[in-house]
Amino acid sequence: MLKKIGNIVFFIIVFTLISMTALSLLRGQPTGAVAVRSWSMEPMITRGDLAIIWPATKKSIFSQDQIIV
């Protein structure tokens, strides 16, 4: 059972890394994943959470409750 869970987690990590690379190549802009290193965004985001960084463009529309870094 533990090996099966490990395989699923491994697949998710590999899929995420491949997706990030594909997104960066298709969009022509860097798209990254970073781990949050501080408690400054609590309670919405806690230390150790994975954040996907998506670059803004001139046409980007922001709304209330969006997190902007």
N, C-alpha and C. Protein backbone atom coordinates (compact mmCIF):
# COMPACT_ATOMS: atom_id res chain seq x y z
N MET A 1 0.83 -1.20 0.00
CA MET A 1 0.00 0.00 0.00
C MET A 1 0.87 1.26 0.00
N LEU A 2 1.91 1.25 0.85
CA LEU A 2 2.78 2.42 0.94
C LEU A 2 3.53 2.65 -0.38
N LYS A 3 3.93 1.57 -1.04
CA LYS A 3 4.62 1.69 -2.32
C LYS A 3 3.69 2.28 -3.38
N LYS A 4 2.42 1.90 -3.34
CA LYS A 4 1.45 2.43 -4.30
C LYS A 4 1.26 3.93 -4.10
N ILE A 5 1.18 4.38 -2.86
CA ILE A 5 1.04 5.81 -2.56
C ILE A 5 2.29 6.55 -3.02
N GLY A 6 3.46 5.96 -2.78
CA GLY A 6 4.72 6.57 -3.23
C GLY A 6 4.77 6.72 -4.74
N ASN A 7 4.28 5.72 -5.45
CA ASN A 7 4.24 5.79 -6.92
C ASN A 7 3.31 6.90 -7.39
N ILE A 8 2.18 7.05 -6.73
CA ILE A 8 1.22 8.10 -7.10
C ILE A 8 1.83 9.47 -6.86
N VAL A 9 2.48 9.67 -5.71
CA VAL A 9 3.12 10.95 -5.40
C VAL A 9 4.22 11.24 -6.41
N PHE A 10 5.01 10.24 -6.74
CA PHE A 10 6.07 10.41 -7.73
C PHE A 10 5.50 10.83 -9.08
N PHE A 11 4.42 10.18 -9.51
CA PHE A 11 3.78 10.52 -10.77
C PHE A 11 3.28 11.96 -10.76
N ILE A 12 2.68 12.39 -9.67
CA ILE A 12 2.18 13.76 -9.57
C ILE A 12 3.32 14.77 -9.67
N ILE A 13 4.43 14.49 -9.01
CA ILE A 13 5.59 15.40 -9.05
C ILE A 13 6.15 15.47 -10.47
N VAL A 14 6.34 14.34 -11.11
CA VAL A 14 6.88 14.32 -12.48
C VAL A 14 5.92 15.02 -13.43
N PHE A 15 4.62 14.76 -13.30
CA PHE A 15 3.63 15.42 -14.15
C PHE A 15 3.67 16.94 -13.98
N THR A 16 3.80 17.40 -12.74
CA THR A 16 3.86 18.83 -12.47
C THR A 16 5.09 19.45 -13.12
N LEU A 17 6.24 18.81 -12.99
CA LEU A 17 7.47 19.35 -13.58
C LEU A 17 7.39 19.39 -15.11
N ILE A 18 6.86 18.36 -15.71
CA ILE A 18 6.70 18.34 -17.17
C ILE A 18 5.70 19.40 -17.62
N SER A 19 4.62 19.57 -16.88
CA SER A 19 3.62 20.58 -17.21
C SER A 19 4.20 21.98 -17.14
N MET A 20 5.00 22.26 -16.12
CA MET A 20 5.63 23.58 -15.99
C MET A 20 6.55 23.87 -17.18
N THR A 21 7.32 22.88 -17.57
CA THR A 21 8.22 23.06 -18.71
C THR A 21 7.42 23.29 -19.99
N ALA A 22 6.36 22.51 -20.20
CA ALA A 22 5.53 22.66 -21.39
C ALA A 22 4.85 24.04 -21.41
N LEU A 23 4.33 24.48 -20.26
CA LEU A 23 3.69 25.80 -20.20
C LEU A 23 4.68 26.91 -20.53
N SER A 24 5.88 26.81 -19.99
CA SER A 24 6.90 27.83 -20.27
C SER A 24 7.23 27.88 -21.75
N LEU A 25 7.36 26.72 -22.39
CA LEU A 25 7.69 26.69 -23.81
C LEU A 25 6.54 27.19 -24.67
N LEU A 26 5.31 26.79 -24.37
CA LEU A 26 4.15 27.19 -25.16
C LEU A 26 3.84 28.68 -25.03
N ARG A 27 3.96 29.21 -23.84
CA ARG A 27 3.63 30.61 -23.62
C ARG A 27 4.78 31.55 -23.97
N GLY A 28 6.00 31.03 -23.99
CA GLY A 28 7.15 31.89 -24.26
C GLY A 28 7.52 32.75 -23.06
N GLN A 29 6.96 32.43 -21.90
CA GLN A 29 7.26 33.14 -20.66
C GLN A 29 7.51 32.11 -19.58
N PRO A 30 8.36 32.45 -18.63
CA PRO A 30 8.63 31.48 -17.57
C PRO A 30 7.42 31.26 -16.66
N THR A 31 7.17 30.02 -16.34
CA THR A 31 6.15 29.65 -15.38
C THR A 31 6.85 28.75 -14.38
N GLY A 32 6.73 29.08 -13.13
CA GLY A 32 7.50 28.32 -12.15
C GLY A 32 6.69 27.87 -10.96
N ALA A 33 7.26 26.97 -10.23
CA ALA A 33 6.68 26.50 -8.98
C ALA A 33 7.69 26.76 -7.87
N VAL A 34 7.24 27.36 -6.81
CA VAL A 34 8.12 27.66 -5.68
C VAL A 34 7.45 27.22 -4.39
N ALA A 35 8.27 26.94 -3.41
CA ALA A 35 7.76 26.61 -2.07
C ALA A 35 7.75 27.88 -1.24
N VAL A 36 6.67 28.11 -0.54
CA VAL A 36 6.56 29.29 0.33
C VAL A 36 7.49 29.08 1.51
N ARG A 37 8.32 30.10 1.80
CA ARG A 37 9.36 29.94 2.81
C ARG A 37 9.08 30.70 4.10
N SER A 38 7.99 31.43 4.19
CA SER A 38 7.73 32.17 5.41
C SER A 38 6.26 32.05 5.79
N TRP A 39 5.91 32.61 6.93
CA TRP A 39 4.54 32.57 7.43
C TRP A 39 3.78 33.84 7.07
N SER A 40 4.33 34.71 6.22
CA SER A 40 3.75 36.03 5.97
C SER A 40 2.40 36.01 5.26
N MET A 41 2.04 34.93 4.61
CA MET A 41 0.77 34.88 3.87
C MET A 41 -0.31 34.09 4.61
N GLU A 42 -0.04 33.74 5.86
CA GLU A 42 -1.02 32.96 6.63
C GLU A 42 -2.27 33.76 6.88
N PRO A 43 -3.42 33.19 6.97
CA PRO A 43 -3.78 31.79 6.98
C PRO A 43 -4.06 31.24 5.58
N MET A 44 -4.01 32.06 4.55
CA MET A 44 -4.33 31.60 3.19
C MET A 44 -3.29 30.62 2.66
N ILE A 45 -2.02 30.98 2.81
CA ILE A 45 -0.92 30.14 2.36
C ILE A 45 0.02 29.96 3.54
N THR A 46 0.39 28.72 3.82
CA THR A 46 1.28 28.46 4.95
C THR A 46 2.66 28.06 4.46
N ARG A 47 3.60 28.07 5.35
CA ARG A 47 4.97 27.72 5.03
C ARG A 47 5.03 26.29 4.49
N GLY A 48 5.74 26.11 3.37
CA GLY A 48 5.89 24.79 2.77
C GLY A 48 4.91 24.51 1.64
N ASP A 49 3.89 25.35 1.47
CA ASP A 49 2.94 25.15 0.38
C ASP A 49 3.62 25.39 -0.96
N LEU A 50 3.12 24.75 -1.98
CA LEU A 50 3.64 24.91 -3.33
C LEU A 50 2.83 25.99 -4.04
N ALA A 51 3.51 26.99 -4.58
CA ALA A 51 2.84 28.08 -5.30
C ALA A 51 3.28 28.06 -6.76
N ILE A 52 2.32 28.15 -7.65
CA ILE A 52 2.60 28.22 -9.08
C ILE A 52 2.65 29.69 -9.46
N ILE A 53 3.77 30.12 -10.02
CA ILE A 53 3.96 31.52 -10.41
C ILE A 53 3.60 31.65 -11.88
N TRP A 54 2.63 32.49 -12.18
CA TRP A 54 2.14 32.71 -13.54
C TRP A 54 2.37 34.19 -13.86
N PRO A 55 3.21 34.53 -14.84
CA PRO A 55 3.50 35.93 -15.14
C PRO A 55 2.27 36.71 -15.61
N ALA A 56 2.19 37.94 -15.19
CA ALA A 56 1.10 38.82 -15.63
C ALA A 56 1.48 39.49 -16.95
N THR A 57 0.47 39.82 -17.73
CA THR A 57 0.69 40.53 -18.98
C THR A 57 -0.08 41.85 -18.92
N LYS A 58 0.05 42.65 -19.95
CA LYS A 58 -0.68 43.91 -20.00
C LYS A 58 -2.18 43.69 -20.05
N LYS A 59 -2.62 42.53 -20.55
CA LYS A 59 -4.04 42.23 -20.67
C LYS A 59 -4.59 41.51 -19.44
N SER A 60 -3.75 41.26 -18.44
CA SER A 60 -4.20 40.54 -17.24
C SER A 60 -5.24 41.35 -16.49
N ILE A 61 -6.25 40.65 -16.03
CA ILE A 61 -7.30 41.28 -15.23
C ILE A 61 -7.24 40.66 -13.84
N PHE A 62 -7.13 41.50 -12.83
CA PHE A 62 -7.04 41.03 -11.46
C PHE A 62 -8.37 41.27 -10.75
N SER A 63 -8.69 40.37 -9.84
CA SER A 63 -9.92 40.50 -9.08
C SER A 63 -9.61 40.40 -7.60
N GLN A 64 -10.59 40.76 -6.81
CA GLN A 64 -10.44 40.69 -5.37
C GLN A 64 -10.18 39.24 -4.95
N ASP A 65 -9.38 39.04 -3.94
CA ASP A 65 -8.99 37.76 -3.37
C ASP A 65 -7.96 37.01 -4.19
N GLN A 66 -7.43 37.60 -5.26
CA GLN A 66 -6.32 36.99 -5.97
C GLN A 66 -5.03 37.32 -5.23
N ILE A 67 -4.11 36.40 -5.24
CA ILE A 67 -2.81 36.62 -4.59
C ILE A 67 -1.81 37.01 -5.66
N ILE A 68 -1.18 38.15 -5.45
CA ILE A 68 -0.22 38.68 -6.43
C ILE A 68 1.13 38.80 -5.75
N VAL A 69 2.16 38.23 -6.40
CA VAL A 69 3.52 38.32 -5.82
C VAL A 69 4.41 39.11 -6.75
